[in-house]
Amino acid sequence: MKHKPIFIDGKHKKFYKSHKHLFKNDKDKTCDKRLRSFIYLMGSTKKCREYYAEIFDQDEKRLLYGAEKFSARLSPVDLAFMRLAVDLYHIGPLMEENSPLNRVEIYSKYSPCNIFCTLLQYGLCPYAVQALLLWYS
């Protein structure tokens, strides 16, 4: 089933379209759905777009950092979108913390429930659901 994404604004759409070549291969019609979802979420806000190059290596198509590195500089919405992007791409939490207690604290802070509740509070939940549709469709 072909799914057409919804966007927060024109900048979000432009970011997604300008990075389409990373997740879509027109020759063999394949699509990296995890990367497509990641790109979609990382383009959602100005701050996410700003930190995209710091968090992701386009050439290697791999994450360089988890969202925690930037958490002090991000709003709850930016952090929720970035955390969801990292978790969907990495399939599970990517954490730099070595302490098991810190890992549990970070994971509970950024649980799917907390991410969706944060986005719901700001009326942005449909875009998180959109990312899931891009990943699973």
C-alpha atoms as a PDB file:
ATOM      1  CA  MET A   1       0.000   0.000   0.000  1.00  0.00           C
ATOM      2  CA  LYS A   2       1.428   3.383  -1.038  1.00  0.00           C
ATOM      3  CA  HIS A   3       1.380   5.891   1.789  1.00  0.00           C
ATOM      4  CA  LYS A   4       1.715   9.650   1.236  1.00  0.00           C
ATOM      5  CA  PRO A   5       3.254  11.405   4.248  1.00  0.00           C
ATOM      6  CA  ILE A   6       1.850  14.463   6.000  1.00  0.00           C
ATOM      7  CA  PHE A   7       4.198  17.282   7.020  1.00  0.00           C
ATOM      8  CA  ILE A   8       4.282  19.896   9.777  1.00  0.00           C
ATOM      9  CA  ASP A   9       5.306  22.652   7.356  1.00  0.00           C
ATOM     10  CA  GLY A  10       7.132  23.357   4.092  1.00  0.00           C
ATOM     11  CA  LYS A  11      10.583  23.088   5.712  1.00  0.00           C
ATOM     12  CA  HIS A  12       9.749  19.632   7.022  1.00  0.00           C
ATOM     13  CA  LYS A  13       8.620  18.516   3.555  1.00  0.00           C
ATOM     14  CA  LYS A  14      11.688  20.054   1.881  1.00  0.00           C
ATOM     15  CA  PHE A  15      14.053  18.265   4.291  1.00  0.00           C
ATOM     16  CA  TYR A  16      12.318  14.927   3.688  1.00  0.00           C
ATOM     17  CA  LYS A  17      12.355  15.308  -0.108  1.00  0.00           C
ATOM     18  CA  SER A  18      15.976  16.498  -0.201  1.00  0.00           C
ATOM     19  CA  HIS A  19      17.101  13.377   1.693  1.00  0.00           C
ATOM     20  CA  LYS A  20      14.917  10.911  -0.218  1.00  0.00           C
ATOM     21  CA  HIS A  21      17.919   9.609  -2.164  1.00  0.00           C
ATOM     22  CA  LEU A  22      19.289   8.141   1.088  1.00  0.00           C
ATOM     23  CA  PHE A  23      16.392   5.778   1.705  1.00  0.00           C
ATOM     24  CA  LYS A  24      14.933   5.195  -1.754  1.00  0.00           C
ATOM     25  CA  ASN A  25      16.642   3.311  -4.563  1.00  0.00           C
ATOM     26  CA  ASP A  26      14.855   4.077  -7.830  1.00  0.00           C
ATOM     27  CA  LYS A  27      16.808   1.447  -9.787  1.00  0.00           C
ATOM     28  CA  ASP A  28      15.541  -1.596  -7.941  1.00  0.00           C
ATOM     29  CA  LYS A  29      12.519   0.116  -6.298  1.00  0.00           C
ATOM     30  CA  THR A  30      13.711  -0.686  -2.770  1.00  0.00           C
ATOM     31  CA  CYS A  31      13.221   1.484   0.271  1.00  0.00           C
ATOM     32  CA  ASP A  32      14.966   1.451   3.651  1.00  0.00           C
ATOM     33  CA  LYS A  33      11.886   2.020   5.788  1.00  0.00           C
ATOM     34  CA  ARG A  34      13.798   2.544   9.029  1.00  0.00           C
ATOM     35  CA  LEU A  35      15.891   5.282   7.410  1.00  0.00           C
ATOM     36  CA  ARG A  36      12.804   6.806   5.772  1.00  0.00           C
ATOM     37  CA  SER A  37      11.143   7.121   9.181  1.00  0.00           C
ATOM     38  CA  PHE A  38      14.336   8.539  10.723  1.00  0.00           C
ATOM     39  CA  ILE A  39      14.685  11.199   8.002  1.00  0.00           C
ATOM     40  CA  TYR A  40      10.997  12.102   8.361  1.00  0.00           C
ATOM     41  CA  LEU A  41      11.319  12.675  12.116  1.00  0.00           C
ATOM     42  CA  MET A  42      14.674  14.469  11.945  1.00  0.00           C
ATOM     43  CA  GLY A  43      13.156  16.966   9.530  1.00  0.00           C
ATOM     44  CA  SER A  44      10.176  17.724  11.755  1.00  0.00           C
ATOM     45  CA  THR A  45      11.548  20.734  13.670  1.00  0.00           C
ATOM     46  CA  LYS A  46      14.233  23.372  13.160  1.00  0.00           C
ATOM     47  CA  LYS A  47      16.390  21.977  15.986  1.00  0.00           C
ATOM     48  CA  CYS A  48      16.108  18.405  14.731  1.00  0.00           C
ATOM     49  CA  ARG A  49      17.214  19.567  11.276  1.00  0.00           C
ATOM     50  CA  GLU A  50      20.127  21.478  12.846  1.00  0.00           C
ATOM     51  CA  TYR A  51      21.392  18.450  14.788  1.00  0.00           C
ATOM     52  CA  TYR A  52      20.820  15.941  11.977  1.00  0.00           C
ATOM     53  CA  ALA A  53      24.413  16.165  10.664  1.00  0.00           C
ATOM     54  CA  GLU A  54      25.821  15.766  14.176  1.00  0.00           C
ATOM     55  CA  ILE A  55      23.745  12.710  15.018  1.00  0.00           C
ATOM     56  CA  PHE A  56      23.882  10.821  11.689  1.00  0.00           C
ATOM     57  CA  ASP A  57      26.634   9.914   9.195  1.00  0.00           C
ATOM     58  CA  GLN A  58      24.970   9.968   5.750  1.00  0.00           C
ATOM     59  CA  ASP A  59      27.847   8.195   3.979  1.00  0.00           C
ATOM     60  CA  GLU A  60      27.923   5.279   6.389  1.00  0.00           C
ATOM     61  CA  LYS A  61      24.187   5.475   7.093  1.00  0.00           C
ATOM     62  CA  ARG A  62      24.774   5.065  10.800  1.00  0.00           C
ATOM     63  CA  LEU A  63      23.985   6.912  13.993  1.00  0.00           C
ATOM     64  CA  LEU A  64      26.861   8.723  15.660  1.00  0.00           C
ATOM     65  CA  TYR A  65      25.079   9.632  18.905  1.00  0.00           C
ATOM     66  CA  GLY A  66      21.867   9.103  20.766  1.00  0.00           C
ATOM     67  CA  ALA A  67      19.547  12.006  21.534  1.00  0.00           C
ATOM     68  CA  GLU A  68      20.874  12.331  25.094  1.00  0.00           C
ATOM     69  CA  LYS A  69      23.970  14.199  23.888  1.00  0.00           C
ATOM     70  CA  PHE A  70      21.797  17.174  22.939  1.00  0.00           C
ATOM     71  CA  SER A  71      19.040  16.870  25.539  1.00  0.00           C
ATOM     72  CA  ALA A  72      20.070  19.969  27.517  1.00  0.00           C
ATOM     73  CA  ARG A  73      19.760  22.107  24.363  1.00  0.00           C
ATOM     74  CA  LEU A  74      16.425  20.787  23.124  1.00  0.00           C
ATOM     75  CA  SER A  75      12.797  21.526  23.882  1.00  0.00           C
ATOM     76  CA  PRO A  76      10.598  18.607  24.998  1.00  0.00           C
ATOM     77  CA  VAL A  77       9.119  18.399  21.479  1.00  0.00           C
ATOM     78  CA  ASP A  78      12.506  18.386  19.733  1.00  0.00           C
ATOM     79  CA  LEU A  79      13.786  15.772  22.143  1.00  0.00           C
ATOM     80  CA  ALA A  80      10.682  13.596  21.714  1.00  0.00           C
ATOM     81  CA  PHE A  81      10.975  13.660  17.912  1.00  0.00           C
ATOM     82  CA  MET A  82      14.725  12.999  18.022  1.00  0.00           C
ATOM     83  CA  ARG A  83      14.385  10.189  20.562  1.00  0.00           C
ATOM     84  CA  LEU A  84      11.682   8.489  18.493  1.00  0.00           C
ATOM     85  CA  ALA A  85      13.800   8.895  15.346  1.00  0.00           C
ATOM     86  CA  VAL A  86      16.816   7.277  17.005  1.00  0.00           C
ATOM     87  CA  ASP A  87      14.785   4.450  18.519  1.00  0.00           C
ATOM     88  CA  LEU A  88      13.034   3.597  15.245  1.00  0.00           C
ATOM     89  CA  TYR A  89      16.247   3.666  13.237  1.00  0.00           C
ATOM     90  CA  HIS A  90      18.400   1.869  15.773  1.00  0.00           C
ATOM     91  CA  ILE A  91      15.635  -0.573  16.800  1.00  0.00           C
ATOM     92  CA  GLY A  92      15.880   0.017  20.471  1.00  0.00           C
ATOM     93  CA  PRO A  93      17.534   2.551  22.707  1.00  0.00           C
ATOM     94  CA  LEU A  94      20.960   3.862  21.738  1.00  0.00           C
ATOM     95  CA  MET A  95      22.575   5.123  24.917  1.00  0.00           C
ATOM     96  CA  GLU A  96      25.999   6.407  25.742  1.00  0.00           C
ATOM     97  CA  GLU A  97      25.590   5.930  29.478  1.00  0.00           C
ATOM     98  CA  ASN A  98      27.646   3.134  31.019  1.00  0.00           C
ATOM     99  CA  SER A  99      25.862   3.079  34.346  1.00  0.00           C
ATOM    100  CA  PRO A 100      22.915   0.637  34.399  1.00  0.00           C
ATOM    101  CA  LEU A 101      20.973   3.032  36.683  1.00  0.00           C
ATOM    102  CA  ASN A 102      21.435   5.920  34.261  1.00  0.00           C
ATOM    103  CA  ARG A 103      20.337   3.685  31.387  1.00  0.00           C
ATOM    104  CA  VAL A 104      17.130   2.773  33.204  1.00  0.00           C
ATOM    105  CA  GLU A 105      16.476   6.448  34.003  1.00  0.00           C
ATOM    106  CA  ILE A 106      17.087   7.526  30.399  1.00  0.00           C
ATOM    107  CA  TYR A 107      14.958   4.737  28.978  1.00  0.00           C
ATOM    108  CA  SER A 108      12.045   5.480  31.296  1.00  0.00           C
ATOM    109  CA  LYS A 109      12.299   9.211  30.506  1.00  0.00           C
ATOM    110  CA  TYR A 110      12.082   8.504  26.788  1.00  0.00           C
ATOM    111  CA  SER A 111       9.695   5.569  26.817  1.00  0.00           C
ATOM    112  CA  PRO A 112       7.210   5.413  23.918  1.00  0.00           C
ATOM    113  CA  CYS A 113       4.490   6.457  26.358  1.00  0.00           C
ATOM    114  CA  ASN A 114       6.397   9.594  27.414  1.00  0.00           C
ATOM    115  CA  ILE A 115       7.308  10.456  23.826  1.00  0.00           C
ATOM    116  CA  PHE A 116       3.710  10.194  22.618  1.00  0.00           C
ATOM    117  CA  CYS A 117       2.310  12.041  25.652  1.00  0.00           C
ATOM    118  CA  THR A 118       4.755  14.914  25.078  1.00  0.00           C
ATOM    119  CA  LEU A 119       3.807  15.163  21.415  1.00  0.00           C
ATOM    120  CA  LEU A 120       0.112  14.814  22.236  1.00  0.00           C
ATOM    121  CA  GLN A 121       0.351  17.729  24.664  1.00  0.00           C
ATOM    122  CA  TYR A 122       1.640  19.925  21.809  1.00  0.00           C
ATOM    123  CA  GLY A 123      -0.796  18.577  19.206  1.00  0.00           C
ATOM    124  CA  LEU A 124       1.988  16.812  17.268  1.00  0.00           C
ATOM    125  CA  CYS A 125       1.072  13.165  17.814  1.00  0.00           C
ATOM    126  CA  PRO A 126      -0.113  12.658  14.197  1.00  0.00           C
ATOM    127  CA  TYR A 127       3.479  13.172  13.012  1.00  0.00           C
ATOM    128  CA  ALA A 128       4.807  10.475  15.340  1.00  0.00           C
ATOM    129  CA  VAL A 129       2.093   8.130  14.068  1.00  0.00           C
ATOM    130  CA  GLN A 130       3.079   9.137  10.529  1.00  0.00           C
ATOM    131  CA  ALA A 131       6.659   8.028  11.246  1.00  0.00           C
ATOM    132  CA  LEU A 132       5.378   4.644  12.406  1.00  0.00           C
ATOM    133  CA  LEU A 133       3.286   4.327   9.234  1.00  0.00           C
ATOM    134  CA  LEU A 134       6.368   5.097   7.114  1.00  0.00           C
ATOM    135  CA  TRP A 135       8.350   2.463   8.999  1.00  0.00           C
ATOM    136  CA  TYR A 136       5.727  -0.254   8.920  1.00  0.00           C
ATOM    137  CA  SER A 137       3.999   0.341   5.577  1.00  0.00           C
END
